[in-house]
Amino acid sequence: MTLDSFLKLISITADFITVGGILLAIRWSMISKFDNVLALKTNRFLSYLLRLGIIFVAFIFILHFGNYLFQIILIIFLVENISVYWVEEEWYKYLASYLITAFFFIPLTWVVSNIIWSFSLNSLYEFINIFKSENKIKIKSNPVLYIINAKYGIGGTYIDVTKKVSQLIVNNSLSVRASNQLAGDPVLNVKKELIIEYNYNGKKHSITGAEGSVINIPE
């Protein structure tokens, strides 16, 4: 085995270990996110990191596409000895080619990045609607979830867990287990309950879950 092939093998192994570690972290955070705020934050961080990575890869592809588009435009303008560097005698053709390429490149990058980041086609629809005076595409508005009050306990003994429950909201949805992990055990040896008052899509609601049960919003 040559040195180059050995180094390549080490590189591939390191890539597999890295990807495996990320997948294990995502798996752990997905399993634990309902009961563990650290797991939820880890899940969000890895999710954002993954989206940034996909955006970077997409940007590289769009950059290559922009380069091909730039060369095609130069051919249309009948430029001889095509190069990425300006030819002094035909500077105006290069300038026009750059501007036309930028006209397609910048909006395409913006739309693709927004779609990847939000996992929604709303950005694409907004961009298309700019050029449509009538019959505009309807853009779905995401419902908004807001926790008004959350408390855990029983009888007259409750602990305010509003902040902790609010931190578990992901993409305007909530899944939380009513357990002592939320705020300790306010009443020993007694089955407790989790009461959540929330506003969803402009309407006020209330839901109660016994200890050990999982509350899902929306239901």
Protein backbone atom coordinates (compact mmCIF):
# COMPACT_ATOMS: atom_id res chain seq x y z
CA MET A 1 0.00 0.00 0.00
CA THR A 2 1.44 3.34 -1.06
CA LEU A 3 1.57 6.39 1.21
CA ASP A 4 -1.06 8.22 -0.88
CA SER A 5 -3.55 5.34 -0.71
CA PHE A 6 -2.91 4.99 3.04
CA LEU A 7 -3.56 8.69 3.64
CA LYS A 8 -6.69 8.50 1.48
CA LEU A 9 -7.92 5.54 3.57
CA ILE A 10 -7.32 7.50 6.79
CA SER A 11 -9.18 10.48 5.31
CA ILE A 12 -12.19 8.34 4.33
CA THR A 13 -12.22 6.67 7.76
CA ALA A 14 -12.13 10.07 9.48
CA ASP A 15 -15.05 11.23 7.31
CA PHE A 16 -17.08 8.16 8.28
CA ILE A 17 -16.31 8.72 11.97
CA THR A 18 -17.31 12.38 11.72
CA VAL A 19 -20.57 11.63 9.92
CA GLY A 20 -21.31 8.79 12.32
CA GLY A 21 -20.71 11.04 15.31
CA ILE A 22 -23.04 13.71 13.93
CA LEU A 23 -25.75 11.12 13.21
CA LEU A 24 -25.41 9.67 16.73
CA ALA A 25 -25.66 13.16 18.23
CA ILE A 26 -28.75 13.90 16.15
CA ARG A 27 -30.27 10.56 17.14
CA TRP A 28 -29.58 11.18 20.81
CA SER A 29 -30.96 14.71 20.69
CA MET A 30 -34.12 13.56 18.87
CA ILE A 31 -34.73 10.84 21.47
CA SER A 32 -34.05 13.11 24.44
CA LYS A 33 -35.35 16.48 23.27
CA PHE A 34 -38.71 16.16 25.02
CA ASP A 35 -37.12 15.85 28.45
CA ASN A 36 -33.72 17.47 28.04
CA VAL A 37 -33.20 21.13 27.14
CA LEU A 38 -29.52 20.50 26.32
CA ALA A 39 -30.58 17.80 23.84
CA LEU A 40 -33.06 20.21 22.26
CA LYS A 41 -30.38 22.88 21.83
CA THR A 42 -27.99 20.27 20.42
CA ASN A 43 -30.65 19.17 17.95
CA ARG A 44 -31.25 22.75 16.85
CA PHE A 45 -27.52 23.47 16.52
CA LEU A 46 -26.93 20.36 14.39
CA SER A 47 -30.01 21.17 12.31
CA TYR A 48 -28.76 24.71 11.61
CA LEU A 49 -25.26 23.40 10.92
CA LEU A 50 -26.64 20.88 8.43
CA ARG A 51 -28.67 23.58 6.69
CA LEU A 52 -25.62 25.84 6.43
CA GLY A 53 -23.64 22.95 4.93
CA ILE A 54 -26.35 22.28 2.34
CA ILE A 55 -26.53 26.00 1.52
CA PHE A 56 -22.74 26.06 1.03
CA VAL A 57 -22.85 23.06 -1.32
CA ALA A 58 -25.77 24.61 -3.23
CA PHE A 59 -23.83 27.89 -3.49
CA ILE A 60 -20.87 26.05 -5.07
CA PHE A 61 -23.20 24.50 -7.67
CA ILE A 62 -24.85 27.86 -8.36
CA LEU A 63 -21.41 29.45 -8.68
CA HIS A 64 -20.45 26.89 -11.33
CA PHE A 65 -23.76 27.49 -13.07
CA GLY A 66 -23.06 31.25 -13.01
CA ASN A 67 -19.65 30.66 -14.57
CA TYR A 68 -21.17 28.62 -17.42
CA LEU A 69 -23.89 31.23 -17.89
CA PHE A 70 -21.25 33.97 -18.03
CA GLN A 71 -19.33 32.12 -20.75
CA ILE A 72 -22.53 31.48 -22.75
CA ILE A 73 -23.37 35.19 -22.63
CA LEU A 74 -19.85 36.04 -23.82
CA ILE A 75 -20.34 33.65 -26.75
CA ILE A 76 -23.64 35.36 -27.58
CA PHE A 77 -21.80 38.70 -27.57
CA LEU A 78 -19.30 37.15 -30.02
CA VAL A 79 -16.31 37.65 -27.73
CA GLU A 80 -13.13 36.00 -28.95
CA ASN A 81 -10.62 34.36 -26.60
CA ILE A 82 -13.12 33.94 -23.76
CA SER A 83 -11.57 34.43 -20.33
CA VAL A 84 -12.76 35.26 -16.84
CA TYR A 85 -10.46 38.28 -17.00
CA TRP A 86 -11.54 41.35 -18.90
CA VAL A 87 -10.15 41.96 -22.36
CA GLU A 88 -9.40 45.65 -22.64
CA GLU A 89 -10.82 46.11 -26.13
CA GLU A 90 -14.14 44.44 -25.22
CA TRP A 91 -14.56 45.60 -21.63
CA TYR A 92 -18.16 46.70 -22.19
CA LYS A 93 -19.17 43.19 -23.30
CA TYR A 94 -17.62 41.72 -20.16
CA LEU A 95 -19.38 44.30 -18.00
CA ALA A 96 -22.74 43.52 -19.61
CA SER A 97 -22.11 39.78 -19.20
CA TYR A 98 -21.29 40.22 -15.51
CA LEU A 99 -24.42 42.29 -14.92
CA ILE A 100 -26.69 39.80 -16.73
CA THR A 101 -25.13 36.89 -14.84
CA ALA A 102 -25.55 38.73 -11.52
CA PHE A 103 -29.21 39.40 -12.41
CA PHE A 104 -29.81 35.64 -12.41
CA PHE A 105 -27.18 34.58 -9.87
CA ILE A 106 -28.13 36.78 -6.89
CA PRO A 107 -31.92 36.08 -6.86
CA LEU A 108 -31.30 32.36 -7.48
CA THR A 109 -28.87 32.20 -4.55
CA TRP A 110 -31.32 34.08 -2.31
CA VAL A 111 -34.29 31.86 -3.22
CA VAL A 112 -32.38 28.58 -2.87
CA SER A 113 -30.83 29.63 0.45
CA ASN A 114 -34.21 30.63 1.87
CA ILE A 115 -35.84 27.40 0.72
CA ILE A 116 -33.09 25.30 2.32
CA TRP A 117 -33.00 27.34 5.55
CA SER A 118 -36.75 27.43 6.10
CA PHE A 119 -37.63 24.19 4.26
CA SER A 120 -40.47 26.13 2.68
CA LEU A 121 -41.38 27.21 -0.84
CA ASN A 122 -42.76 30.54 0.41
CA SER A 123 -39.59 32.42 -0.62
CA LEU A 124 -39.93 31.06 -4.16
CA TYR A 125 -43.61 32.04 -4.25
CA GLU A 126 -42.78 35.56 -3.01
CA PHE A 127 -40.16 35.91 -5.74
CA ILE A 128 -42.60 34.74 -8.44
CA ASN A 129 -45.32 37.08 -7.14
CA ILE A 130 -43.06 40.06 -7.79
CA PHE A 131 -43.61 39.52 -11.52
CA LYS A 132 -47.32 38.67 -11.30
CA SER A 133 -49.83 41.50 -11.15
CA GLU A 134 -52.82 39.14 -10.98
CA ASN A 135 -53.50 35.57 -9.81
CA LYS A 136 -50.67 35.71 -7.31
CA ILE A 137 -49.66 32.45 -5.67
CA LYS A 138 -51.19 32.10 -2.22
CA ILE A 139 -48.52 31.89 0.47
CA LYS A 140 -49.32 29.74 3.46
CA SER A 141 -48.77 31.45 6.78
CA ASN A 142 -47.36 29.26 9.51
CA PRO A 143 -49.40 29.12 12.74
CA VAL A 144 -47.74 30.74 15.74
CA LEU A 145 -47.50 28.94 19.07
CA TYR A 146 -46.96 30.97 22.23
CA ILE A 147 -46.95 29.64 25.80
CA ILE A 148 -48.94 31.94 28.10
CA ASN A 149 -48.45 29.96 31.28
CA ALA A 150 -47.26 26.48 32.25
CA LYS A 151 -47.19 24.98 35.71
CA TYR A 152 -46.37 21.58 37.17
CA GLY A 153 -47.68 20.20 40.45
CA ILE A 154 -50.94 19.30 42.15
CA GLY A 155 -53.54 20.88 44.43
CA GLY A 156 -52.28 24.23 45.64
CA THR A 157 -48.61 23.46 45.02
CA TYR A 158 -47.34 24.27 41.54
CA ILE A 159 -44.00 25.26 40.05
CA ASP A 160 -43.90 27.73 37.16
CA VAL A 161 -42.32 25.99 34.15
CA THR A 162 -43.41 28.50 31.48
CA LYS A 163 -39.87 29.37 30.41
CA LYS A 164 -38.70 25.76 30.27
CA VAL A 165 -41.73 24.61 28.27
CA SER A 166 -41.37 27.55 25.88
CA GLN A 167 -37.79 26.48 25.15
CA LEU A 168 -39.10 23.13 23.88
CA ILE A 169 -41.11 24.70 21.04
CA VAL A 170 -39.75 23.62 17.65
CA ASN A 171 -41.25 24.88 14.39
CA ASN A 172 -44.36 26.13 16.22
CA SER A 173 -45.10 22.74 17.73
CA LEU A 174 -44.55 21.35 21.19
CA SER A 175 -44.12 17.87 22.61
CA VAL A 176 -43.37 17.70 26.32
CA ARG A 177 -43.58 14.97 28.92
CA ALA A 178 -45.15 15.83 32.26
CA SER A 179 -42.40 14.69 34.61
CA ASN A 180 -40.22 15.77 37.52
CA GLN A 181 -37.45 16.57 35.03
CA LEU A 182 -39.25 19.81 34.25
CA ALA A 183 -38.80 21.35 37.69
CA GLY A 184 -38.10 18.70 40.29
CA ASP A 185 -40.74 17.12 42.51
CA PRO A 186 -42.98 19.78 44.09
CA VAL A 187 -45.11 17.24 46.01
CA LEU A 188 -43.53 13.94 47.05
CA ASN A 189 -45.28 10.63 46.49
CA VAL A 190 -48.26 12.24 44.76
CA LYS A 191 -49.13 12.02 41.09
CA LYS A 192 -48.88 15.50 39.61
CA GLU A 193 -50.09 17.23 36.45
CA LEU A 194 -48.81 19.66 33.87
CA ILE A 195 -51.16 22.51 32.93
CA ILE A 196 -50.34 24.58 29.86
CA GLU A 197 -52.19 27.69 28.73
CA TYR A 198 -51.16 28.69 25.23
CA ASN A 199 -52.06 30.81 22.24
CA TYR A 200 -52.08 28.98 18.92
CA ASN A 201 -52.79 30.79 15.68
CA GLY A 202 -54.45 33.67 17.54
CA LYS A 203 -56.71 31.50 19.74
CA LYS A 204 -56.27 30.78 23.45
CA HIS A 205 -56.29 27.15 24.62
CA SER A 206 -55.57 25.14 27.75
CA ILE A 207 -54.45 21.54 28.11
CA THR A 208 -53.68 19.33 31.09
CA GLY A 209 -51.56 16.19 31.18
CA ALA A 210 -51.09 13.73 34.04
CA GLU A 211 -47.59 12.89 35.24
CA GLY A 212 -45.91 10.53 32.80
CA SER A 213 -48.07 11.53 29.85
CA VAL A 214 -46.89 13.46 26.78
CA ILE A 215 -48.60 16.68 25.73
CA ASN A 216 -48.52 17.46 22.01
CA ILE A 217 -49.44 20.90 20.66
CA PRO A 218 -51.10 21.02 18.20
CA GLU A 219 -52.88 17.81 19.14
